[in-house]
Each structure stands twice: as C-alpha cells, then as structure tokens.
Full PDB file with SEQRES, HELIX, SHEET, SSBOND, CRYST1, ORIGX, SCALE, CONECT and MASTER records, all heavy atoms in Angstrom:
SEQRES   1 A   41  LEU LEU PHE PHE ILE TYR PHE VAL MET PRO ASP PHE GLY          
SEQRES   2 A   41  LEU SER LEU THR ALA LEU GLN ALA GLY ILE LEU GLY LEU          
SEQRES   3 A   41  GLY ILE ALA TYR SER ALA TYR GLN SER GLU ASN PHE ARG          
SEQRES   4 A   41  ALA GLY                                                      
HELIX    1 AA1 LEU A    2  PHE A    3  1                                   2    
HELIX    2 AA2 PHE A    4  VAL A    8  3                                   5    
HELIX    3 AA3 MET A    9  PHE A   12  5                                   4    
HELIX    4 AA4 ALA A   18  ALA A   40  1                                  23    
CRYST1    1.000    1.000    1.000  90.00  90.00  90.00 P 1           1          
ORIGX1      1.000000  0.000000  0.000000        0.00000                         
ORIGX2      0.000000  1.000000  0.000000        0.00000                         
ORIGX3      0.000000  0.000000  1.000000        0.00000                         
SCALE1      1.000000  0.000000  0.000000        0.00000                         
SCALE2      0.000000  1.000000  0.000000        0.00000                         
SCALE3      0.000000  0.000000  1.000000        0.00000                         
ATOM      1  N   LEU A   1      14.689 -13.040   1.161  1.00  0.00           N  
ATOM      2  CA  LEU A   1      14.002 -13.431  -0.072  1.00  0.00           C  
ATOM      3  C   LEU A   1      13.268 -12.237  -0.684  1.00  0.00           C  
ATOM      4  O   LEU A   1      13.287 -12.040  -1.909  1.00  0.00           O  
ATOM      5  CB  LEU A   1      13.017 -14.561   0.230  1.00  0.00           C  
ATOM      6  CG  LEU A   1      12.325 -15.229  -0.963  1.00  0.00           C  
ATOM      7  CD1 LEU A   1      13.351 -15.806  -1.934  1.00  0.00           C  
ATOM      8  CD2 LEU A   1      11.383 -16.331  -0.486  1.00  0.00           C  
ATOM      9  N   LEU A   2      12.648 -11.416   0.156  1.00  0.00           N  
ATOM     10  CA  LEU A   2      11.973 -10.219  -0.333  1.00  0.00           C  
ATOM     11  C   LEU A   2      12.956  -9.249  -0.965  1.00  0.00           C  
ATOM     12  O   LEU A   2      12.695  -8.687  -2.047  1.00  0.00           O  
ATOM     13  CB  LEU A   2      11.229  -9.525   0.813  1.00  0.00           C  
ATOM     14  CG  LEU A   2      10.013 -10.257   1.385  1.00  0.00           C  
ATOM     15  CD1 LEU A   2       9.479  -9.530   2.615  1.00  0.00           C  
ATOM     16  CD2 LEU A   2       8.910 -10.374   0.345  1.00  0.00           C  
ATOM     17  N   PHE A   3      14.098  -9.048  -0.316  1.00  0.00           N  
ATOM     18  CA  PHE A   3      15.122  -8.161  -0.868  1.00  0.00           C  
ATOM     19  C   PHE A   3      15.629  -8.676  -2.215  1.00  0.00           C  
ATOM     20  O   PHE A   3      15.839  -7.911  -3.154  1.00  0.00           O  
ATOM     21  CB  PHE A   3      16.293  -8.039   0.103  1.00  0.00           C  
ATOM     22  CG  PHE A   3      16.024  -7.147   1.283  1.00  0.00           C  
ATOM     23  CD1 PHE A   3      16.839  -7.185   2.391  1.00  0.00           C  
ATOM     24  CD2 PHE A   3      14.947  -6.277   1.284  1.00  0.00           C  
ATOM     25  CE1 PHE A   3      16.604  -6.375   3.479  1.00  0.00           C  
ATOM     26  CE2 PHE A   3      14.692  -5.452   2.371  1.00  0.00           C  
ATOM     27  CZ  PHE A   3      15.532  -5.503   3.470  1.00  0.00           C  
ATOM     28  N   PHE A   4      15.818 -10.001  -2.300  1.00  0.00           N  
ATOM     29  CA  PHE A   4      16.337 -10.594  -3.531  1.00  0.00           C  
ATOM     30  C   PHE A   4      15.348 -10.369  -4.682  1.00  0.00           C  
ATOM     31  O   PHE A   4      15.740  -9.971  -5.789  1.00  0.00           O  
ATOM     32  CB  PHE A   4      16.595 -12.085  -3.337  1.00  0.00           C  
ATOM     33  CG  PHE A   4      17.269 -12.744  -4.518  1.00  0.00           C  
ATOM     34  CD1 PHE A   4      18.650 -12.754  -4.616  1.00  0.00           C  
ATOM     35  CD2 PHE A   4      16.526 -13.339  -5.519  1.00  0.00           C  
ATOM     36  CE1 PHE A   4      19.281 -13.349  -5.706  1.00  0.00           C  
ATOM     37  CE2 PHE A   4      17.137 -13.923  -6.612  1.00  0.00           C  
ATOM     38  CZ  PHE A   4      18.516 -13.934  -6.707  1.00  0.00           C  
ATOM     39  N   ILE A   5      14.071 -10.625  -4.430  1.00  0.00           N  
ATOM     40  CA  ILE A   5      13.064 -10.480  -5.487  1.00  0.00           C  
ATOM     41  C   ILE A   5      12.903  -9.023  -5.900  1.00  0.00           C  
ATOM     42  O   ILE A   5      12.805  -8.706  -7.097  1.00  0.00           O  
ATOM     43  CB  ILE A   5      11.715 -11.059  -5.023  1.00  0.00           C  
ATOM     44  CG1 ILE A   5      11.813 -12.582  -4.854  1.00  0.00           C  
ATOM     45  CG2 ILE A   5      10.604 -10.723  -6.008  1.00  0.00           C  
ATOM     46  CD1 ILE A   5      10.578 -13.215  -4.243  1.00  0.00           C  
ATOM     47  N   TYR A   6      12.907  -8.122  -4.938  1.00  0.00           N  
ATOM     48  CA  TYR A   6      12.617  -6.719  -5.230  1.00  0.00           C  
ATOM     49  C   TYR A   6      13.836  -5.944  -5.747  1.00  0.00           C  
ATOM     50  O   TYR A   6      13.705  -5.105  -6.658  1.00  0.00           O  
ATOM     51  CB  TYR A   6      12.071  -6.039  -3.976  1.00  0.00           C  
ATOM     52  CG  TYR A   6      11.553  -4.638  -4.217  1.00  0.00           C  
ATOM     53  CD1 TYR A   6      10.535  -4.410  -5.145  1.00  0.00           C  
ATOM     54  CD2 TYR A   6      12.059  -3.551  -3.520  1.00  0.00           C  
ATOM     55  CE1 TYR A   6      10.043  -3.126  -5.370  1.00  0.00           C  
ATOM     56  CE2 TYR A   6      11.573  -2.263  -3.733  1.00  0.00           C  
ATOM     57  CZ  TYR A   6      10.573  -2.057  -4.661  1.00  0.00           C  
ATOM     58  OH  TYR A   6      10.089  -0.796  -4.887  1.00  0.00           O  
ATOM     59  N   PHE A   7      15.017  -6.238  -5.182  1.00  0.00           N  
ATOM     60  CA  PHE A   7      16.191  -5.452  -5.531  1.00  0.00           C  
ATOM     61  C   PHE A   7      17.136  -6.144  -6.526  1.00  0.00           C  
ATOM     62  O   PHE A   7      17.823  -5.470  -7.295  1.00  0.00           O  
ATOM     63  CB  PHE A   7      16.990  -5.106  -4.263  1.00  0.00           C  
ATOM     64  CG  PHE A   7      16.254  -4.197  -3.324  1.00  0.00           C  
ATOM     65  CD1 PHE A   7      15.861  -4.647  -2.076  1.00  0.00           C  
ATOM     66  CD2 PHE A   7      15.946  -2.899  -3.674  1.00  0.00           C  
ATOM     67  CE1 PHE A   7      15.173  -3.824  -1.198  1.00  0.00           C  
ATOM     68  CE2 PHE A   7      15.256  -2.062  -2.814  1.00  0.00           C  
ATOM     69  CZ  PHE A   7      14.874  -2.519  -1.572  1.00  0.00           C  
ATOM     70  N   VAL A   8      17.178  -7.479  -6.508  1.00  0.00           N  
ATOM     71  CA  VAL A   8      18.141  -8.206  -7.339  1.00  0.00           C  
ATOM     72  C   VAL A   8      17.532  -8.662  -8.663  1.00  0.00           C  
ATOM     73  O   VAL A   8      18.185  -8.575  -9.714  1.00  0.00           O  
ATOM     74  CB  VAL A   8      18.715  -9.426  -6.574  1.00  0.00           C  
ATOM     75  CG1 VAL A   8      19.698 -10.199  -7.455  1.00  0.00           C  
ATOM     76  CG2 VAL A   8      19.400  -8.971  -5.289  1.00  0.00           C  
ATOM     77  N   MET A   9      16.289  -9.155  -8.620  1.00  0.00           N  
ATOM     78  CA  MET A   9      15.680  -9.692  -9.842  1.00  0.00           C  
ATOM     79  C   MET A   9      15.600  -8.686 -10.994  1.00  0.00           C  
ATOM     80  O   MET A   9      15.684  -9.085 -12.156  1.00  0.00           O  
ATOM     81  CB  MET A   9      14.291 -10.258  -9.537  1.00  0.00           C  
ATOM     82  CG  MET A   9      14.301 -11.522  -8.683  1.00  0.00           C  
ATOM     83  SD  MET A   9      15.368 -12.824  -9.354  1.00  0.00           S  
ATOM     84  CE  MET A   9      14.506 -13.214 -10.874  1.00  0.00           C  
ATOM     85  N   PRO A  10      15.456  -7.371 -10.727  1.00  0.00           N  
ATOM     86  CA  PRO A  10      15.489  -6.421 -11.854  1.00  0.00           C  
ATOM     87  C   PRO A  10      16.778  -6.492 -12.662  1.00  0.00           C  
ATOM     88  O   PRO A  10      16.779  -6.185 -13.858  1.00  0.00           O  
ATOM     89  CB  PRO A  10      15.341  -5.062 -11.158  1.00  0.00           C  
ATOM     90  CG  PRO A  10      14.538  -5.360  -9.937  1.00  0.00           C  
ATOM     91  CD  PRO A  10      15.038  -6.701  -9.478  1.00  0.00           C  
ATOM     92  N   ASP A  11      17.884  -6.905 -12.036  1.00  0.00           N  
ATOM     93  CA  ASP A  11      19.143  -7.059 -12.769  1.00  0.00           C  
ATOM     94  C   ASP A  11      19.058  -8.179 -13.799  1.00  0.00           C  
ATOM     95  O   ASP A  11      19.846  -8.225 -14.750  1.00  0.00           O  
ATOM     96  CB  ASP A  11      20.300  -7.347 -11.805  1.00  0.00           C  
ATOM     97  CG  ASP A  11      20.571  -6.171 -10.875  1.00  0.00           C  
ATOM     98  OD1 ASP A  11      20.180  -5.039 -11.228  1.00  0.00           O  
ATOM     99  OD2 ASP A  11      21.176  -6.382  -9.803  1.00  0.00           O  
ATOM    100  N   PHE A  12      18.105  -9.094 -13.596  1.00  0.00           N  
ATOM    101  CA  PHE A  12      17.907 -10.207 -14.527  1.00  0.00           C  
ATOM    102  C   PHE A  12      16.695  -9.973 -15.436  1.00  0.00           C  
ATOM    103  O   PHE A  12      16.225 -10.893 -16.099  1.00  0.00           O  
ATOM    104  CB  PHE A  12      17.725 -11.509 -13.745  1.00  0.00           C  
ATOM    105  CG  PHE A  12      18.919 -11.899 -12.925  1.00  0.00           C  
ATOM    106  CD1 PHE A  12      19.001 -11.532 -11.585  1.00  0.00           C  
ATOM    107  CD2 PHE A  12      19.969 -12.606 -13.492  1.00  0.00           C  
ATOM    108  CE1 PHE A  12      20.104 -11.885 -10.821  1.00  0.00           C  
ATOM    109  CE2 PHE A  12      21.078 -12.963 -12.736  1.00  0.00           C  
ATOM    110  CZ  PHE A  12      21.151 -12.598 -11.403  1.00  0.00           C  
ATOM    111  N   GLY A  13      16.185  -8.751 -15.426  1.00  0.00           N  
ATOM    112  CA  GLY A  13      15.090  -8.393 -16.326  1.00  0.00           C  
ATOM    113  C   GLY A  13      13.694  -8.565 -15.774  1.00  0.00           C  
ATOM    114  O   GLY A  13      12.723  -8.416 -16.511  1.00  0.00           O  
ATOM    115  N   LEU A  14      13.565  -8.900 -14.478  1.00  0.00           N  
ATOM    116  CA  LEU A  14      12.241  -9.071 -13.879  1.00  0.00           C  
ATOM    117  C   LEU A  14      12.012  -7.989 -12.825  1.00  0.00           C  
ATOM    118  O   LEU A  14      12.519  -8.072 -11.710  1.00  0.00           O  
ATOM    119  CB  LEU A  14      12.118 -10.461 -13.229  1.00  0.00           C  
ATOM    120  CG  LEU A  14      10.768 -10.770 -12.562  1.00  0.00           C  
ATOM    121  CD1 LEU A  14       9.638 -10.722 -13.585  1.00  0.00           C  
ATOM    122  CD2 LEU A  14      10.794 -12.125 -11.871  1.00  0.00           C  
ATOM    123  N   SER A  15      11.262  -6.983 -13.209  1.00  0.00           N  
ATOM    124  CA  SER A  15      10.974  -5.875 -12.301  1.00  0.00           C  
ATOM    125  C   SER A  15       9.532  -5.978 -11.814  1.00  0.00           C  
ATOM    126  O   SER A  15       8.599  -6.032 -12.621  1.00  0.00           O  
ATOM    127  CB  SER A  15      11.190  -4.534 -13.015  1.00  0.00           C  
ATOM    128  OG  SER A  15      12.541  -4.363 -13.375  1.00  0.00           O  
ATOM    129  N   LEU A  16       9.373  -6.009 -10.512  1.00  0.00           N  
ATOM    130  CA  LEU A  16       8.051  -6.107  -9.903  1.00  0.00           C  
ATOM    131  C   LEU A  16       7.806  -4.900  -9.012  1.00  0.00           C  
ATOM    132  O   LEU A  16       8.750  -4.291  -8.494  1.00  0.00           O  
ATOM    133  CB  LEU A  16       7.940  -7.381  -9.066  1.00  0.00           C  
ATOM    134  CG  LEU A  16       8.143  -8.717  -9.795  1.00  0.00           C  
ATOM    135  CD1 LEU A  16       8.131  -9.861  -8.792  1.00  0.00           C  
ATOM    136  CD2 LEU A  16       7.063  -8.933 -10.840  1.00  0.00           C  
ATOM    137  N   THR A  17       6.535  -4.559  -8.825  1.00  0.00           N  
ATOM    138  CA  THR A  17       6.211  -3.527  -7.854  1.00  0.00           C  
ATOM    139  C   THR A  17       6.473  -4.083  -6.451  1.00  0.00           C  
ATOM    140  O   THR A  17       6.616  -5.299  -6.260  1.00  0.00           O  
ATOM    141  CB  THR A  17       4.738  -3.105  -7.966  1.00  0.00           C  
ATOM    142  OG1 THR A  17       3.906  -4.228  -7.609  1.00  0.00           O  
ATOM    143  CG2 THR A  17       4.412  -2.657  -9.390  1.00  0.00           C  
ATOM    144  N   ALA A  18       6.522  -3.184  -5.485  1.00  0.00           N  
ATOM    145  CA  ALA A  18       6.766  -3.625  -4.107  1.00  0.00           C  
ATOM    146  C   ALA A  18       5.672  -4.582  -3.646  1.00  0.00           C  
ATOM    147  O   ALA A  18       5.949  -5.586  -2.978  1.00  0.00           O  
ATOM    148  CB  ALA A  18       6.846  -2.409  -3.184  1.00  0.00           C  
ATOM    149  N   LEU A  19       4.425  -4.281  -4.010  1.00  0.00           N  
ATOM    150  CA  LEU A  19       3.316  -5.148  -3.608  1.00  0.00           C  
ATOM    151  C   LEU A  19       3.434  -6.524  -4.256  1.00  0.00           C  
ATOM    152  O   LEU A  19       3.266  -7.551  -3.581  1.00  0.00           O  
ATOM    153  CB  LEU A  19       1.981  -4.507  -3.999  1.00  0.00           C  
ATOM    154  CG  LEU A  19       0.718  -5.302  -3.677  1.00  0.00           C  
ATOM    155  CD1 LEU A  19       0.613  -5.562  -2.175  1.00  0.00           C  
ATOM    156  CD2 LEU A  19      -0.522  -4.572  -4.184  1.00  0.00           C  
ATOM    157  N   GLN A  20       3.737  -6.564  -5.542  1.00  0.00           N  
ATOM    158  CA  GLN A  20       3.902  -7.842  -6.236  1.00  0.00           C  
ATOM    159  C   GLN A  20       5.057  -8.640  -5.643  1.00  0.00           C  
ATOM    160  O   GLN A  20       4.941  -9.860  -5.430  1.00  0.00           O  
ATOM    161  CB  GLN A  20       4.141  -7.599  -7.727  1.00  0.00           C  
ATOM    162  CG  GLN A  20       2.937  -7.053  -8.467  1.00  0.00           C  
ATOM    163  CD  GLN A  20       3.286  -6.595  -9.873  1.00  0.00           C  
ATOM    164  OE1 GLN A  20       4.437  -6.330 -10.192  1.00  0.00           O  
ATOM    165  NE2 GLN A  20       2.267  -6.505 -10.726  1.00  0.00           N  
ATOM    166  N   ALA A  21       6.162  -7.964  -5.365  1.00  0.00           N  
ATOM    167  CA  ALA A  21       7.319  -8.642  -4.787  1.00  0.00           C  
ATOM    168  C   ALA A  21       7.009  -9.172  -3.389  1.00  0.00           C  
ATOM    169  O   ALA A  21       7.436 -10.268  -3.013  1.00  0.00           O  
ATOM    170  CB  ALA A  21       8.515  -7.688  -4.730  1.00  0.00           C  
ATOM    171  N   GLY A  22       6.239  -8.401  -2.617  1.00  0.00           N  
ATOM    172  CA  GLY A  22       5.861  -8.841  -1.278  1.00  0.00           C  
ATOM    173  C   GLY A  22       4.995 -10.082  -1.308  1.00  0.00           C  
ATOM    174  O   GLY A  22       5.213 -11.035  -0.550  1.00  0.00           O  
ATOM    175  N   ILE A  23       4.011 -10.080  -2.195  1.00  0.00           N  
ATOM    176  CA  ILE A  23       3.121 -11.242  -2.323  1.00  0.00           C  
ATOM    177  C   ILE A  23       3.900 -12.463  -2.798  1.00  0.00           C  
ATOM    178  O   ILE A  23       3.760 -13.560  -2.243  1.00  0.00           O  
ATOM    179  CB  ILE A  23       1.968 -10.919  -3.296  1.00  0.00           C  
ATOM    180  CG1 ILE A  23       1.026  -9.880  -2.672  1.00  0.00           C  
ATOM    181  CG2 ILE A  23       1.191 -12.181  -3.653  1.00  0.00           C  
ATOM    182  CD1 ILE A  23      -0.051  -9.387  -3.611  1.00  0.00           C  
ATOM    183  N   LEU A  24       4.717 -12.276  -3.833  1.00  0.00           N  
ATOM    184  CA  LEU A  24       5.477 -13.395  -4.384  1.00  0.00           C  
ATOM    185  C   LEU A  24       6.487 -13.936  -3.377  1.00  0.00           C  
ATOM    186  O   LEU A  24       6.602 -15.155  -3.198  1.00  0.00           O  
ATOM    187  CB  LEU A  24       6.194 -12.942  -5.663  1.00  0.00           C  
ATOM    188  CG  LEU A  24       6.992 -14.016  -6.408  1.00  0.00           C  
ATOM    189  CD1 LEU A  24       6.085 -15.143  -6.865  1.00  0.00           C  
ATOM    190  CD2 LEU A  24       7.731 -13.396  -7.599  1.00  0.00           C  
ATOM    191  N   GLY A  25       7.212 -13.041  -2.706  1.00  0.00           N  
ATOM    192  CA  GLY A  25       8.228 -13.478  -1.754  1.00  0.00           C  
ATOM    193  C   GLY A  25       7.646 -14.235  -0.583  1.00  0.00           C  
ATOM    194  O   GLY A  25       8.140 -15.301  -0.205  1.00  0.00           O  
ATOM    195  N   LEU A  26       6.566 -13.702  -0.023  1.00  0.00           N  
ATOM    196  CA  LEU A  26       5.942 -14.376   1.113  1.00  0.00           C  
ATOM    197  C   LEU A  26       5.330 -15.704   0.678  1.00  0.00           C  
ATOM    198  O   LEU A  26       5.395 -16.698   1.405  1.00  0.00           O  
ATOM    199  CB  LEU A  26       4.862 -13.467   1.716  1.00  0.00           C  
ATOM    200  CG  LEU A  26       4.381 -13.808   3.128  1.00  0.00           C  
ATOM    201  CD1 LEU A  26       5.521 -13.682   4.120  1.00  0.00           C  
ATOM    202  CD2 LEU A  26       3.234 -12.884   3.537  1.00  0.00           C  
ATOM    203  N   GLY A  27       4.746 -15.718  -0.522  1.00  0.00           N  
ATOM    204  CA  GLY A  27       4.160 -16.959  -1.027  1.00  0.00           C  
ATOM    205  C   GLY A  27       5.189 -18.038  -1.251  1.00  0.00           C  
ATOM    206  O   GLY A  27       4.986 -19.202  -0.890  1.00  0.00           O  
ATOM    207  N   ILE A  28       6.317 -17.680  -1.853  1.00  0.00           N  
ATOM    208  CA  ILE A  28       7.386 -18.654  -2.094  1.00  0.00           C  
ATOM    209  C   ILE A  28       7.958 -19.158  -0.777  1.00  0.00           C  
ATOM    210  O   ILE A  28       8.185 -20.358  -0.601  1.00  0.00           O  
ATOM    211  CB  ILE A  28       8.497 -18.028  -2.958  1.00  0.00           C  
ATOM    212  CG1 ILE A  28       7.983 -17.776  -4.382  1.00  0.00           C  
ATOM    213  CG2 ILE A  28       9.731 -18.935  -2.993  1.00  0.00           C  
ATOM    214  CD1 ILE A  28       8.966 -17.039  -5.269  1.00  0.00           C  
ATOM    215  N   ALA A  29       8.183 -18.237   0.161  1.00  0.00           N  
ATOM    216  CA  ALA A  29       8.760 -18.633   1.448  1.00  0.00           C  
ATOM    217  C   ALA A  29       7.858 -19.625   2.183  1.00  0.00           C  
ATOM    218  O   ALA A  29       8.325 -20.644   2.709  1.00  0.00           O  
ATOM    219  CB  ALA A  29       9.004 -17.395   2.313  1.00  0.00           C  
ATOM    220  N   TYR A  30       6.567 -19.345   2.198  1.00  0.00           N  
ATOM    221  CA  TYR A  30       5.639 -20.202   2.939  1.00  0.00           C  
ATOM    222  C   TYR A  30       5.250 -21.469   2.188  1.00  0.00           C  
ATOM    223  O   TYR A  30       4.659 -22.373   2.774  1.00  0.00           O  
ATOM    224  CB  TYR A  30       4.390 -19.411   3.341  1.00  0.00           C  
ATOM    225  CG  TYR A  30       4.489 -18.828   4.718  1.00  0.00           C  
ATOM    226  CD1 TYR A  30       5.015 -17.556   4.921  1.00  0.00           C  
ATOM    227  CD2 TYR A  30       4.100 -19.559   5.833  1.00  0.00           C  
ATOM    228  CE1 TYR A  30       5.130 -17.022   6.181  1.00  0.00           C  
ATOM    229  CE2 TYR A  30       4.210 -19.033   7.103  1.00  0.00           C  
ATOM    230  CZ  TYR A  30       4.726 -17.760   7.272  1.00  0.00           C  
ATOM    231  OH  TYR A  30       4.851 -17.243   8.543  1.00  0.00           O  
ATOM    232  N   SER A  31       5.594 -21.547   0.898  1.00  0.00           N  
ATOM    233  CA  SER A  31       5.285 -22.770   0.154  1.00  0.00           C  
ATOM    234  C   SER A  31       6.018 -23.973   0.738  1.00  0.00           C  
ATOM    235  O   SER A  31       5.526 -25.107   0.663  1.00  0.00           O  
ATOM    236  CB  SER A  31       5.652 -22.597  -1.324  1.00  0.00           C  
ATOM    237  OG  SER A  31       7.048 -22.536  -1.521  1.00  0.00           O  
ATOM    238  N   ALA A  32       7.185 -23.724   1.339  1.00  0.00           N  
ATOM    239  CA  ALA A  32       7.931 -24.830   1.952  1.00  0.00           C  
ATOM    240  C   ALA A  32       7.165 -25.409   3.136  1.00  0.00           C  
ATOM    241  O   ALA A  32       7.084 -26.636   3.300  1.00  0.00           O  
ATOM    242  CB  ALA A  32       9.306 -24.334   2.409  1.00  0.00           C  
ATOM    243  N   TYR A  33       6.578 -24.545   3.957  1.00  0.00           N  
ATOM    244  CA  TYR A  33       5.819 -25.008   5.122  1.00  0.00           C  
ATOM    245  C   TYR A  33       4.486 -25.622   4.700  1.00  0.00           C  
ATOM    246  O   TYR A  33       4.037 -26.611   5.290  1.00  0.00           O  
ATOM    247  CB  TYR A  33       5.600 -23.846   6.084  1.00  0.00           C  
ATOM    248  CG  TYR A  33       6.880 -23.181   6.503  1.00  0.00           C  
ATOM    249  CD1 TYR A  33       7.287 -21.970   5.925  1.00  0.00           C  
ATOM    250  CD2 TYR A  33       7.722 -23.771   7.439  1.00  0.00           C  
ATOM    251  CE1 TYR A  33       8.483 -21.373   6.289  1.00  0.00           C  
ATOM    252  CE2 TYR A  33       8.919 -23.178   7.802  1.00  0.00           C  
ATOM    253  CZ  TYR A  33       9.299 -21.982   7.225  1.00  0.00           C  
ATOM    254  OH  TYR A  33      10.494 -21.399   7.569  1.00  0.00           O  
ATOM    255  N   GLN A  34       3.877 -25.038   3.673  1.00  0.00           N  
ATOM    256  CA  GLN A  34       2.644 -25.621   3.146  1.00  0.00           C  
ATOM    257  C   GLN A  34       2.925 -27.022   2.605  1.00  0.00           C  
ATOM    258  O   GLN A  34       2.113 -27.948   2.789  1.00  0.00           O  
ATOM    259  CB  GLN A  34       2.076 -24.746   2.019  1.00  0.00           C  
ATOM    260  CG  GLN A  34       1.633 -23.359   2.448  1.00  0.00           C  
ATOM    261  CD  GLN A  34       0.237 -23.358   3.044  1.00  0.00           C  
ATOM    262  OE1 GLN A  34      -0.177 -24.311   3.679  1.00  0.00           O  
ATOM    263  NE2 GLN A  34      -0.479 -22.271   2.856  1.00  0.00           N  
ATOM    264  N   SER A  35       4.048 -27.182   1.926  1.00  0.00           N  
ATOM    265  CA  SER A  35       4.397 -28.478   1.344  1.00  0.00           C  
ATOM    266  C   SER A  35       4.527 -29.560   2.405  1.00  0.00           C  
ATOM    267  O   SER A  35       3.983 -30.665   2.256  1.00  0.00           O  
ATOM    268  CB  SER A  35       5.719 -28.360   0.571  1.00  0.00           C  
ATOM    269  OG  SER A  35       6.174 -29.630   0.154  1.00  0.00           O  
ATOM    270  N   GLU A  36       5.210 -29.254   3.488  1.00  0.00           N  
ATOM    271  CA  GLU A  36       5.372 -30.237   4.558  1.00  0.00           C  
ATOM    272  C   GLU A  36       4.029 -30.562   5.209  1.00  0.00           C  
ATOM    273  O   GLU A  36       3.779 -31.704   5.595  1.00  0.00           O  
ATOM    274  CB  GLU A  36       6.359 -29.708   5.609  1.00  0.00           C  
ATOM    275  CG  GLU A  36       7.792 -29.609   5.102  1.00  0.00           C  
ATOM    276  CD  GLU A  36       8.340 -30.955   4.674  1.00  0.00           C  
ATOM    277  OE1 GLU A  36       8.789 -31.722   5.537  1.00  0.00           O  
ATOM    278  OE2 GLU A  36       8.304 -31.257   3.460  1.00  0.00           O  
ATOM    279  N   ASN A  37       3.174 -29.561   5.307  1.00  0.00           N  
ATOM    280  CA  ASN A  37       1.833 -29.777   5.841  1.00  0.00           C  
ATOM    281  C   ASN A  37       1.034 -30.708   4.933  1.00  0.00           C  
ATOM    282  O   ASN A  37       0.413 -31.674   5.393  1.00  0.00           O  
ATOM    283  CB  ASN A  37       1.124 -28.426   5.983  1.00  0.00           C  
ATOM    284  CG  ASN A  37      -0.270 -28.553   6.558  1.00  0.00           C  
ATOM    285  OD1 ASN A  37      -0.546 -29.401   7.408  1.00  0.00           O  
ATOM    286  ND2 ASN A  37      -1.172 -27.710   6.087  1.00  0.00           N  
ATOM    287  N   PHE A  38       1.061 -30.431   3.634  1.00  0.00           N  
ATOM    288  CA  PHE A  38       0.323 -31.265   2.680  1.00  0.00           C  
ATOM    289  C   PHE A  38       0.904 -32.678   2.619  1.00  0.00           C  
ATOM    290  O   PHE A  38       0.161 -33.660   2.518  1.00  0.00           O  
ATOM    291  CB  PHE A  38       0.349 -30.635   1.291  1.00  0.00           C  
ATOM    292  CG  PHE A  38      -0.406 -29.340   1.199  1.00  0.00           C  
ATOM    293  CD1 PHE A  38       0.035 -28.318   0.358  1.00  0.00           C  
ATOM    294  CD2 PHE A  38      -1.560 -29.129   1.937  1.00  0.00           C  
ATOM    295  CE1 PHE A  38      -0.654 -27.130   0.271  1.00  0.00           C  
ATOM    296  CE2 PHE A  38      -2.256 -27.938   1.862  1.00  0.00           C  
ATOM    297  CZ  PHE A  38      -1.798 -26.928   1.017  1.00  0.00           C  
ATOM    298  N   ARG A  39       2.220 -32.775   2.652  1.00  0.00           N  
ATOM    299  CA  ARG A  39       2.854 -34.100   2.586  1.00  0.00           C  
ATOM    300  C   ARG A  39       2.452 -34.954   3.786  1.00  0.00           C  
ATOM    301  O   ARG A  39       2.155 -36.145   3.651  1.00  0.00           O  
ATOM    302  CB  ARG A  39       4.377 -33.964   2.540  1.00  0.00           C  
ATOM    303  CG  ARG A  39       5.117 -35.301   2.423  1.00  0.00           C  
ATOM    304  CD  ARG A  39       6.600 -35.079   2.255  1.00  0.00           C  
ATOM    305  NE  ARG A  39       7.206 -34.505   3.432  1.00  0.00           N  
ATOM    306  CZ  ARG A  39       7.692 -35.199   4.454  1.00  0.00           C  
ATOM    307  NH1 ARG A  39       7.624 -36.533   4.451  1.00  0.00           N  
ATOM    308  NH2 ARG A  39       8.238 -34.599   5.485  1.00  0.00           N  
ATOM    309  N   ALA A  40       2.416 -34.326   4.957  1.00  0.00           N  
ATOM    310  CA  ALA A  40       2.006 -35.058   6.160  1.00  0.00           C  
ATOM    311  C   ALA A  40       0.557 -35.525   6.026  1.00  0.00           C  
ATOM    312  O   ALA A  40       0.225 -36.651   6.427  1.00  0.00           O  
ATOM    313  CB  ALA A  40       2.172 -34.174   7.392  1.00  0.00           C  
ATOM    314  N   GLY A  41      -0.297 -34.671   5.447  1.00  0.00           N  
ATOM    315  CA  GLY A  41      -1.685 -35.064   5.258  1.00  0.00           C  
ATOM    316  C   GLY A  41      -1.845 -36.198   4.271  1.00  0.00           C  
ATOM    317  O   GLY A  41      -2.633 -37.131   4.488  1.00  0.00           O  
TER     318      GLY A  41                                                      
MASTER        0    0    0    4    0    0    0    6  317    1    0    4          
END                                                                             
C-alpha cells in the first residue's frame, strides 16, 4: 500500500512526499482494524 501511494499515485496526478505517503498509507491500512474494533464496541 505504501509503494502504491508513493510510486503509483503520481501517475494519476497525486504526488505526495515520503512522509505524507507514509502517514496516509499506514492510516488507511490500519483503518480496517480500527473499524472492526469500533464495530465490536
């Protein structure tokens, strides 16, 4: 997911710095686990 955001998304016009891509990628990836946690609650 990090590779896709940082290396592939610029081909679609979205260029992010490495730090921005790292934050966004990790946040998106963990949103799935957060969602299941919140749903259970």
